[in-house]
Structure formats: structure tokens, C-alpha cells
């Protein structure tokens, strides 16, 4: 089963993209470290912790080391600032690469999102999120690995309705791309994997017939791609 408990019949394929805001500030953004090179020169952009700060952005050039952004209370403040600086350097011709193990970075992001899912459970929206089901690969064509997970959330505590969601984690983004990919009453995701910059998804319609076995229908295949839009944002496109 993908992203759901035994009572849930998996589903499949509606399309919408949105992002969330994590309110759990206990997570520290100390997992970002990039080296940027141009014409033989190297600059470093890092998010670091400090005894007097929740986080700091450390910018190192050959001439000096500076801390252009710092936060005393908001641990999640520095990550987007550092990403903005990396993107600015990229626009100026610098080639920036992570000095961290990419899979470790993605697993940290998945862990944070798991804490967000637990917050939803605390307010009555039960979700079933299993990091062990994450798939890793180059989905976005950016020469880096991404991580994808399909998970299930109950729509209402008083009904058996549920939805499935796809979360795509990118190394350079602090929040995943989210898209609904299934729900009770229509198709369920039976398998998914990253292949040739596409997320290949197999879905099948499942109907529970009272007094008999679950009726299954033929598997359908579709794919989702991650693209950089004209509005300078990553988005998920069904192909």
C-alpha cells in the first residue's frame, strides 16, 4: 500500500499544485552549503547555527566572510535568503553546486514535512506519511536528485473519504511541491517511480462492493514532469 493504512483503498490522478507553510520552528536550517565557481574564483553560501542566533547566512569570498542575514528566533528565516543569493549568483554566471550529500538534504526535508503532517493529525486531519516509500531521482531536469512521496489523508473524521497527495522535494527549495493525485471514489496510485525526468505513475480504479471482493479495473499509466515556469517557479505538469 502506498501512503495509507489498511482500511484505505489507494487512488490516483487529479492535478493541482500548491505549497504549504511549516509552522514548526524547531527545525533548524543548518543543512545548506553551496560552493559557487566562476573564472577560477570560488564563493561559499552556507546556512549555519550560532549560539546567539537561530540561524545565519554565511557568505565567503576570497576577500572576506560576511553574514548578510541572521535571525534570533526564526530558524526557517535563513534558508530562503540563502537560496535567493545562490540564484542571484547563478544569474551572474556563477556555477553553484551543493557541498552536502544531496540525499541527506532531501531526507532532512522529508523529516520536516513529516513533522508538519503530525501537526495536521493534532488538529483532527489524519494523514499517513511513510518516508521509507520515498523515491529519488532527477525529476526536474536540473542535474540534481529530487525525492517524491505519495501519501494519504482522511478528508473527514466522520467519513471514509480520503485523498492521496504527491509531495516533490527539491534540494534548492525549503518547501515541497504538492499535488493531489488520487481520492476515494476514483482512481488510486498503485505504483510510482522516477524515470528519465518523469514521475511514472500507475493508477487503478477500485470499487468496494458490499458482500463481495473489491472490484479492480485495468491499470492506467501516466506521468508528471517538474518544470521551471515563466514565472520563475517550479511546477508539476501532467503529461
C-alpha atoms as a PDB file:
ATOM      1  CA  UNK A   1       0.000   0.000   0.000  1.00  0.00           C
ATOM      2  CA  UNK A   2       1.188   3.462  -0.842  1.00  0.00           C
ATOM      3  CA  UNK A   3       0.795   6.166   1.777  1.00  0.00           C
ATOM      4  CA  UNK A   4      -2.219   4.766   3.615  1.00  0.00           C
ATOM      5  CA  UNK A   5      -3.468   2.386   6.307  1.00  0.00           C
ATOM      6  CA  UNK A   6      -5.067  -0.985   5.701  1.00  0.00           C
ATOM      7  CA  UNK A   7      -8.568   0.481   5.576  1.00  0.00           C
ATOM      8  CA  UNK A   8      -7.674   2.800   2.697  1.00  0.00           C
ATOM      9  CA  UNK A   9      -8.049   1.744  -0.941  1.00  0.00           C
ATOM     10  CA  UNK A  10      -5.287   3.557  -2.864  1.00  0.00           C
ATOM     11  CA  UNK A  11      -6.147   6.044  -5.617  1.00  0.00           C
ATOM     12  CA  UNK A  12      -4.993   8.107  -8.456  1.00  0.00           C
ATOM     13  CA  UNK A  13      -4.929  11.135 -10.696  1.00  0.00           C
ATOM     14  CA  UNK A  14      -6.233  14.637 -10.321  1.00  0.00           C
ATOM     15  CA  UNK A  15      -3.919  17.588 -10.783  1.00  0.00           C
ATOM     16  CA  UNK A  16      -3.309  20.590  -8.658  1.00  0.00           C
ATOM     17  CA  UNK A  17      -0.155  22.203  -7.357  1.00  0.00           C
ATOM     18  CA  UNK A  18       0.142  24.112  -4.087  1.00  0.00           C
ATOM     19  CA  UNK A  19       2.625  24.754  -1.287  1.00  0.00           C
ATOM     20  CA  UNK A  20       2.324  24.817   2.463  1.00  0.00           C
ATOM     21  CA  UNK A  21       3.885  26.850   5.237  1.00  0.00           C
ATOM     22  CA  UNK A  22       5.537  24.949   8.059  1.00  0.00           C
ATOM     23  CA  UNK A  23       4.852  26.472  11.428  1.00  0.00           C
ATOM     24  CA  UNK A  24       7.179  24.138  13.315  1.00  0.00           C
ATOM     25  CA  UNK A  25      10.138  26.428  14.018  1.00  0.00           C
ATOM     26  CA  UNK A  26      12.004  23.768  15.953  1.00  0.00           C
ATOM     27  CA  UNK A  27      13.636  22.631  12.700  1.00  0.00           C
ATOM     28  CA  UNK A  28      16.954  24.383  12.142  1.00  0.00           C
ATOM     29  CA  UNK A  29      18.051  25.305   8.621  1.00  0.00           C
ATOM     30  CA  UNK A  30      21.673  24.242   9.125  1.00  0.00           C
ATOM     31  CA  UNK A  31      21.804  21.817   6.198  1.00  0.00           C
ATOM     32  CA  UNK A  32      22.535  24.130   3.271  1.00  0.00           C
ATOM     33  CA  UNK A  33      26.056  24.582   1.926  1.00  0.00           C
ATOM     34  CA  UNK A  34      26.936  25.610  -1.664  1.00  0.00           C
ATOM     35  CA  UNK A  35      30.169  26.369  -3.498  1.00  0.00           C
ATOM     36  CA  UNK A  36      29.915  28.742  -6.479  1.00  0.00           C
ATOM     37  CA  UNK A  37      32.687  28.976  -9.074  1.00  0.00           C
ATOM     38  CA  UNK A  38      33.447  31.458 -11.873  1.00  0.00           C
ATOM     39  CA  UNK A  39      36.702  32.147 -13.740  1.00  0.00           C
ATOM     40  CA  UNK A  40      38.731  30.196 -11.184  1.00  0.00           C
ATOM     41  CA  UNK A  41      37.247  32.009  -8.162  1.00  0.00           C
ATOM     42  CA  UNK A  42      35.101  30.271  -5.533  1.00  0.00           C
ATOM     43  CA  UNK A  43      32.478  31.656  -3.197  1.00  0.00           C
ATOM     44  CA  UNK A  44      30.591  29.773  -0.491  1.00  0.00           C
ATOM     45  CA  UNK A  45      26.989  30.245   0.676  1.00  0.00           C
ATOM     46  CA  UNK A  46      26.007  28.429   3.858  1.00  0.00           C
ATOM     47  CA  UNK A  47      23.293  28.424   6.492  1.00  0.00           C
ATOM     48  CA  UNK A  48      24.931  27.983   9.891  1.00  0.00           C
ATOM     49  CA  UNK A  49      23.884  27.896  13.530  1.00  0.00           C
ATOM     50  CA  UNK A  50      25.321  30.169  16.188  1.00  0.00           C
ATOM     51  CA  UNK A  51      24.906  30.275  19.994  1.00  0.00           C
ATOM     52  CA  UNK A  52      23.338  33.753  19.762  1.00  0.00           C
ATOM     53  CA  UNK A  53      21.191  33.141  16.670  1.00  0.00           C
ATOM     54  CA  UNK A  54      18.589  30.694  15.428  1.00  0.00           C
ATOM     55  CA  UNK A  55      20.360  30.782  12.051  1.00  0.00           C
ATOM     56  CA  UNK A  56      22.782  32.863   9.979  1.00  0.00           C
ATOM     57  CA  UNK A  57      23.613  33.052   6.270  1.00  0.00           C
ATOM     58  CA  UNK A  58      27.394  32.859   5.851  1.00  0.00           C
ATOM     59  CA  UNK A  59      28.812  34.284   2.599  1.00  0.00           C
ATOM     60  CA  UNK A  60      32.524  33.661   1.992  1.00  0.00           C
ATOM     61  CA  UNK A  61      34.578  35.379  -0.742  1.00  0.00           C
ATOM     62  CA  UNK A  62      38.330  35.487  -1.190  1.00  0.00           C
ATOM     63  CA  UNK A  63      38.382  38.952   0.346  1.00  0.00           C
ATOM     64  CA  UNK A  64      36.112  38.470   3.356  1.00  0.00           C
ATOM     65  CA  UNK A  65      33.418  36.450   5.133  1.00  0.00           C
ATOM     66  CA  UNK A  66      30.141  38.206   5.866  1.00  0.00           C
ATOM     67  CA  UNK A  67      26.755  37.313   7.389  1.00  0.00           C
ATOM     68  CA  UNK A  68      24.188  39.169   5.247  1.00  0.00           C
ATOM     69  CA  UNK A  69      21.155  37.687   7.072  1.00  0.00           C
ATOM     70  CA  UNK A  70      20.620  36.468  10.620  1.00  0.00           C
ATOM     71  CA  UNK A  71      17.648  35.555  12.784  1.00  0.00           C
ATOM     72  CA  UNK A  72      17.497  35.235  16.554  1.00  0.00           C
ATOM     73  CA  UNK A  73      14.174  33.407  16.797  1.00  0.00           C
ATOM     74  CA  UNK A  74      13.052  32.112  13.376  1.00  0.00           C
ATOM     75  CA  UNK A  75      15.171  29.107  12.392  1.00  0.00           C
ATOM     76  CA  UNK A  76      13.476  28.902   8.990  1.00  0.00           C
ATOM     77  CA  UNK A  77      14.255  32.530   8.071  1.00  0.00           C
ATOM     78  CA  UNK A  78      17.717  31.958   6.591  1.00  0.00           C
ATOM     79  CA  UNK A  79      17.063  29.161   4.102  1.00  0.00           C
ATOM     80  CA  UNK A  80      15.091  31.209   1.517  1.00  0.00           C
ATOM     81  CA  UNK A  81      17.556  34.098   1.874  1.00  0.00           C
ATOM     82  CA  UNK A  82      20.461  31.783   1.083  1.00  0.00           C
ATOM     83  CA  UNK A  83      18.598  30.272  -1.863  1.00  0.00           C
ATOM     84  CA  UNK A  84      17.921  33.766  -3.215  1.00  0.00           C
ATOM     85  CA  UNK A  85      21.629  34.588  -3.020  1.00  0.00           C
ATOM     86  CA  UNK A  86      22.552  31.336  -4.792  1.00  0.00           C
ATOM     87  CA  UNK A  87      20.049  32.063  -7.558  1.00  0.00           C
ATOM     88  CA  UNK A  88      21.406  35.614  -7.904  1.00  0.00           C
ATOM     89  CA  UNK A  89      24.949  34.313  -8.278  1.00  0.00           C
ATOM     90  CA  UNK A  90      23.725  31.801 -10.859  1.00  0.00           C
ATOM     91  CA  UNK A  91      22.187  34.641 -12.842  1.00  0.00           C
ATOM     92  CA  UNK A  92      25.560  36.387 -12.834  1.00  0.00           C
ATOM     93  CA  UNK A  93      27.291  33.389 -14.360  1.00  0.00           C
ATOM     94  CA  UNK A  94      28.471  31.569 -11.248  1.00  0.00           C
ATOM     95  CA  UNK A  95      28.095  27.775 -11.256  1.00  0.00           C
ATOM     96  CA  UNK A  96      26.823  26.701  -7.839  1.00  0.00           C
ATOM     97  CA  UNK A  97      26.900  23.116  -6.537  1.00  0.00           C
ATOM     98  CA  UNK A  98      25.889  21.694  -3.195  1.00  0.00           C
ATOM     99  CA  UNK A  99      28.731  20.558  -0.959  1.00  0.00           C
ATOM    100  CA  UNK A 100      26.291  18.449   1.039  1.00  0.00           C
ATOM    101  CA  UNK A 101      25.165  14.915   0.285  1.00  0.00           C
ATOM    102  CA  UNK A 102      22.018  15.635  -1.729  1.00  0.00           C
ATOM    103  CA  UNK A 103      20.135  12.602  -0.458  1.00  0.00           C
ATOM    104  CA  UNK A 104      20.856  13.661   3.125  1.00  0.00           C
ATOM    105  CA  UNK A 105      19.466  17.141   2.372  1.00  0.00           C
ATOM    106  CA  UNK A 106      16.316  15.651   0.868  1.00  0.00           C
ATOM    107  CA  UNK A 107      15.836  13.260   3.784  1.00  0.00           C
ATOM    108  CA  UNK A 108      16.061  16.222   6.176  1.00  0.00           C
ATOM    109  CA  UNK A 109      13.349  17.993   4.172  1.00  0.00           C
ATOM    110  CA  UNK A 110      11.178  14.862   4.292  1.00  0.00           C
ATOM    111  CA  UNK A 111      11.642  14.687   8.067  1.00  0.00           C
ATOM    112  CA  UNK A 112      10.491  18.297   8.441  1.00  0.00           C
ATOM    113  CA  UNK A 113       7.457  17.658   6.281  1.00  0.00           C
ATOM    114  CA  UNK A 114       6.683  14.609   8.404  1.00  0.00           C
ATOM    115  CA  UNK A 115       6.540  16.903  11.435  1.00  0.00           C
ATOM    116  CA  UNK A 116       4.098  19.125   9.551  1.00  0.00           C
ATOM    117  CA  UNK A 117       1.925  16.080   8.818  1.00  0.00           C
ATOM    118  CA  UNK A 118       1.902  15.279  12.546  1.00  0.00           C
ATOM    119  CA  UNK A 119       0.659  18.819  13.244  1.00  0.00           C
ATOM    120  CA  UNK A 120      -2.292  18.112  10.943  1.00  0.00           C
ATOM    121  CA  UNK A 121      -3.002  14.956  12.935  1.00  0.00           C
ATOM    122  CA  UNK A 122      -3.133  17.039  16.103  1.00  0.00           C
ATOM    123  CA  UNK A 123      -5.909  19.206  14.660  1.00  0.00           C
ATOM    124  CA  UNK A 124      -8.034  16.271  13.525  1.00  0.00           C
ATOM    125  CA  UNK A 125      -6.867  15.729   9.913  1.00  0.00           C
ATOM    126  CA  UNK A 126      -5.318  12.262   9.919  1.00  0.00           C
ATOM    127  CA  UNK A 127      -2.574  11.655   7.355  1.00  0.00           C
ATOM    128  CA  UNK A 128      -0.473   8.573   6.678  1.00  0.00           C
ATOM    129  CA  UNK A 129       3.052   9.512   5.650  1.00  0.00           C
ATOM    130  CA  UNK A 130       5.828   6.945   5.198  1.00  0.00           C
ATOM    131  CA  UNK A 131       9.348   8.301   4.427  1.00  0.00           C
ATOM    132  CA  UNK A 132      10.514   4.784   3.557  1.00  0.00           C
ATOM    133  CA  UNK A 133       8.341   4.973   0.409  1.00  0.00           C
ATOM    134  CA  UNK A 134      10.268   7.974  -0.980  1.00  0.00           C
ATOM    135  CA  UNK A 135      11.704   7.621  -4.493  1.00  0.00           C
ATOM    136  CA  UNK A 136      14.884   9.527  -5.512  1.00  0.00           C
ATOM    137  CA  UNK A 137      15.973  10.641  -8.976  1.00  0.00           C
ATOM    138  CA  UNK A 138      16.392  13.543 -11.401  1.00  0.00           C
ATOM    139  CA  UNK A 139      12.757  14.524 -11.890  1.00  0.00           C
ATOM    140  CA  UNK A 140      13.223  18.244 -12.601  1.00  0.00           C
ATOM    141  CA  UNK A 141      15.993  18.070 -15.216  1.00  0.00           C
ATOM    142  CA  UNK A 142      18.285  20.211 -13.056  1.00  0.00           C
ATOM    143  CA  UNK A 143      21.095  17.611 -12.850  1.00  0.00           C
ATOM    144  CA  UNK A 144      20.240  17.069  -9.183  1.00  0.00           C
ATOM    145  CA  UNK A 145      18.230  14.421  -7.419  1.00  0.00           C
ATOM    146  CA  UNK A 146      14.723  15.039  -6.183  1.00  0.00           C
ATOM    147  CA  UNK A 147      12.589  12.967  -3.790  1.00  0.00           C
ATOM    148  CA  UNK A 148       8.929  12.082  -4.279  1.00  0.00           C
ATOM    149  CA  UNK A 149       6.349  10.562  -1.926  1.00  0.00           C
ATOM    150  CA  UNK A 150       2.680   9.718  -2.355  1.00  0.00           C
ATOM    151  CA  UNK A 151       0.746   9.856   0.927  1.00  0.00           C
ATOM    152  CA  UNK A 152      -2.882   9.657   2.065  1.00  0.00           C
ATOM    153  CA  UNK A 153      -5.020  11.972   4.229  1.00  0.00           C
ATOM    154  CA  UNK A 154      -8.531  11.384   5.538  1.00  0.00           C
ATOM    155  CA  UNK A 155     -10.915  14.045   4.256  1.00  0.00           C
ATOM    156  CA  UNK A 156     -13.170  13.959   7.315  1.00  0.00           C
ATOM    157  CA  UNK A 157     -13.046  12.026  10.564  1.00  0.00           C
ATOM    158  CA  UNK A 158     -16.748  11.182  10.211  1.00  0.00           C
ATOM    159  CA  UNK A 159     -16.481   9.592   6.749  1.00  0.00           C
ATOM    160  CA  UNK A 160     -14.348   7.072   4.895  1.00  0.00           C
ATOM    161  CA  UNK A 161     -13.416   9.642   2.233  1.00  0.00           C
ATOM    162  CA  UNK A 162      -9.714  10.226   1.619  1.00  0.00           C
ATOM    163  CA  UNK A 163      -7.313  11.864  -0.803  1.00  0.00           C
ATOM    164  CA  UNK A 164      -3.819  10.989  -1.991  1.00  0.00           C
ATOM    165  CA  UNK A 165      -1.153  13.642  -2.458  1.00  0.00           C
ATOM    166  CA  UNK A 166       2.174  13.774  -4.253  1.00  0.00           C
ATOM    167  CA  UNK A 167       4.991  15.673  -2.498  1.00  0.00           C
ATOM    168  CA  UNK A 168       8.090  16.527  -4.575  1.00  0.00           C
ATOM    169  CA  UNK A 169      11.140  17.662  -2.598  1.00  0.00           C
ATOM    170  CA  UNK A 170      13.785  19.788  -4.362  1.00  0.00           C
ATOM    171  CA  UNK A 171      17.257  20.398  -2.996  1.00  0.00           C
ATOM    172  CA  UNK A 172      17.057  24.167  -3.520  1.00  0.00           C
ATOM    173  CA  UNK A 173      13.551  24.666  -2.094  1.00  0.00           C
ATOM    174  CA  UNK A 174      12.572  24.732   1.565  1.00  0.00           C
ATOM    175  CA  UNK A 175       9.035  23.520   0.791  1.00  0.00           C
ATOM    176  CA  UNK A 176       7.908  20.651  -1.469  1.00  0.00           C
ATOM    177  CA  UNK A 177       5.615  20.917  -4.457  1.00  0.00           C
ATOM    178  CA  UNK A 178       2.249  19.345  -3.581  1.00  0.00           C
ATOM    179  CA  UNK A 179      -0.315  17.908  -5.951  1.00  0.00           C
ATOM    180  CA  UNK A 180      -3.429  15.830  -5.389  1.00  0.00           C
ATOM    181  CA  UNK A 181      -3.129  12.552  -7.287  1.00  0.00           C
ATOM    182  CA  UNK A 182      -5.982  10.414  -6.005  1.00  0.00           C
ATOM    183  CA  UNK A 183      -9.072  10.134  -3.881  1.00  0.00           C
ATOM    184  CA  UNK A 184     -11.789   7.776  -2.723  1.00  0.00           C
ATOM    185  CA  UNK A 185     -14.358   7.194  -5.403  1.00  0.00           C
ATOM    186  CA  UNK A 186     -11.996   7.370  -8.365  1.00  0.00           C
ATOM    187  CA  UNK A 187      -8.512   6.106  -9.229  1.00  0.00           C
ATOM    188  CA  UNK A 188      -5.748   5.055  -6.869  1.00  0.00           C
ATOM    189  CA  UNK A 189      -1.954   5.109  -7.244  1.00  0.00           C
ATOM    190  CA  UNK A 190      -0.700   1.534  -7.254  1.00  0.00           C
ATOM    191  CA  UNK A 191       2.979   2.349  -8.015  1.00  0.00           C
ATOM    192  CA  UNK A 192       5.271   5.250  -8.917  1.00  0.00           C
ATOM    193  CA  UNK A 193       8.928   5.815  -9.787  1.00  0.00           C
ATOM    194  CA  UNK A 194      11.185   8.462 -11.382  1.00  0.00           C
ATOM    195  CA  UNK A 195      12.335   7.610 -14.920  1.00  0.00           C
ATOM    196  CA  UNK A 196      14.012   9.905 -17.480  1.00  0.00           C
ATOM    197  CA  UNK A 197      12.969  13.170 -15.773  1.00  0.00           C
ATOM    198  CA  UNK A 198       9.383  11.970 -15.396  1.00  0.00           C
ATOM    199  CA  UNK A 199       7.434  10.531 -12.499  1.00  0.00           C
ATOM    200  CA  UNK A 200       5.771   7.424 -13.910  1.00  0.00           C
ATOM    201  CA  UNK A 201       2.509   6.645 -12.116  1.00  0.00           C
ATOM    202  CA  UNK A 202       0.315   3.583 -12.417  1.00  0.00           C
ATOM    203  CA  UNK A 203      -3.276   4.019 -11.253  1.00  0.00           C
ATOM    204  CA  UNK A 204      -6.249   1.742 -10.996  1.00  0.00           C
ATOM    205  CA  UNK A 205      -9.885   2.263 -10.153  1.00  0.00           C
ATOM    206  CA  UNK A 206     -11.064   0.397  -7.088  1.00  0.00           C
ATOM    207  CA  UNK A 207     -14.663  -0.037  -6.037  1.00  0.00           C
ATOM    208  CA  UNK A 208     -15.673  -1.744  -2.823  1.00  0.00           C
ATOM    209  CA  UNK A 209     -18.718  -3.898  -3.410  1.00  0.00           C
ATOM    210  CA  UNK A 210     -20.521  -4.810  -0.206  1.00  0.00           C
ATOM    211  CA  UNK A 211     -20.633  -8.555   0.388  1.00  0.00           C
ATOM    212  CA  UNK A 212     -18.037  -9.345  -2.270  1.00  0.00           C
ATOM    213  CA  UNK A 213     -14.403  -8.834  -3.114  1.00  0.00           C
ATOM    214  CA  UNK A 214     -13.111  -5.443  -4.224  1.00  0.00           C
ATOM    215  CA  UNK A 215     -13.640  -4.969  -7.947  1.00  0.00           C
ATOM    216  CA  UNK A 216     -10.481  -3.955  -9.807  1.00  0.00           C
ATOM    217  CA  UNK A 217     -10.166  -2.307 -13.208  1.00  0.00           C
ATOM    218  CA  UNK A 218      -7.296  -2.168 -15.727  1.00  0.00           C
ATOM    219  CA  UNK A 219      -4.169  -0.258 -14.726  1.00  0.00           C
ATOM    220  CA  UNK A 220      -3.627   3.111 -16.410  1.00  0.00           C
ATOM    221  CA  UNK A 221      -0.230   4.765 -16.822  1.00  0.00           C
ATOM    222  CA  UNK A 222       0.517   8.484 -16.799  1.00  0.00           C
ATOM    223  CA  UNK A 223       3.454  10.741 -15.984  1.00  0.00           C
ATOM    224  CA  UNK A 224       4.198  14.025 -14.207  1.00  0.00           C
ATOM    225  CA  UNK A 225       7.100  16.309 -15.017  1.00  0.00           C
ATOM    226  CA  UNK A 226       8.681  19.062 -12.937  1.00  0.00           C
ATOM    227  CA  UNK A 227       9.386  22.225 -14.948  1.00  0.00           C
ATOM    228  CA  UNK A 228      10.654  25.740 -14.301  1.00  0.00           C
ATOM    229  CA  UNK A 229       7.812  28.061 -15.317  1.00  0.00           C
ATOM    230  CA  UNK A 230       7.872  31.500 -16.969  1.00  0.00           C
ATOM    231  CA  UNK A 231       7.042  32.963 -13.557  1.00  0.00           C
ATOM    232  CA  UNK A 232      10.366  31.575 -12.236  1.00  0.00           C
ATOM    233  CA  UNK A 233       8.780  28.876 -10.121  1.00  0.00           C
ATOM    234  CA  UNK A 234       8.939  25.101 -10.222  1.00  0.00           C
ATOM    235  CA  UNK A 235       5.617  23.467 -11.099  1.00  0.00           C
ATOM    236  CA  UNK A 236       4.271  19.975 -11.729  1.00  0.00           C
ATOM    237  CA  UNK A 237       2.852  19.248 -15.181  1.00  0.00           C
ATOM    238  CA  UNK A 238       0.881  16.151 -16.141  1.00  0.00           C
ATOM    239  CA  UNK A 239       1.999  14.622 -19.441  1.00  0.00           C
END
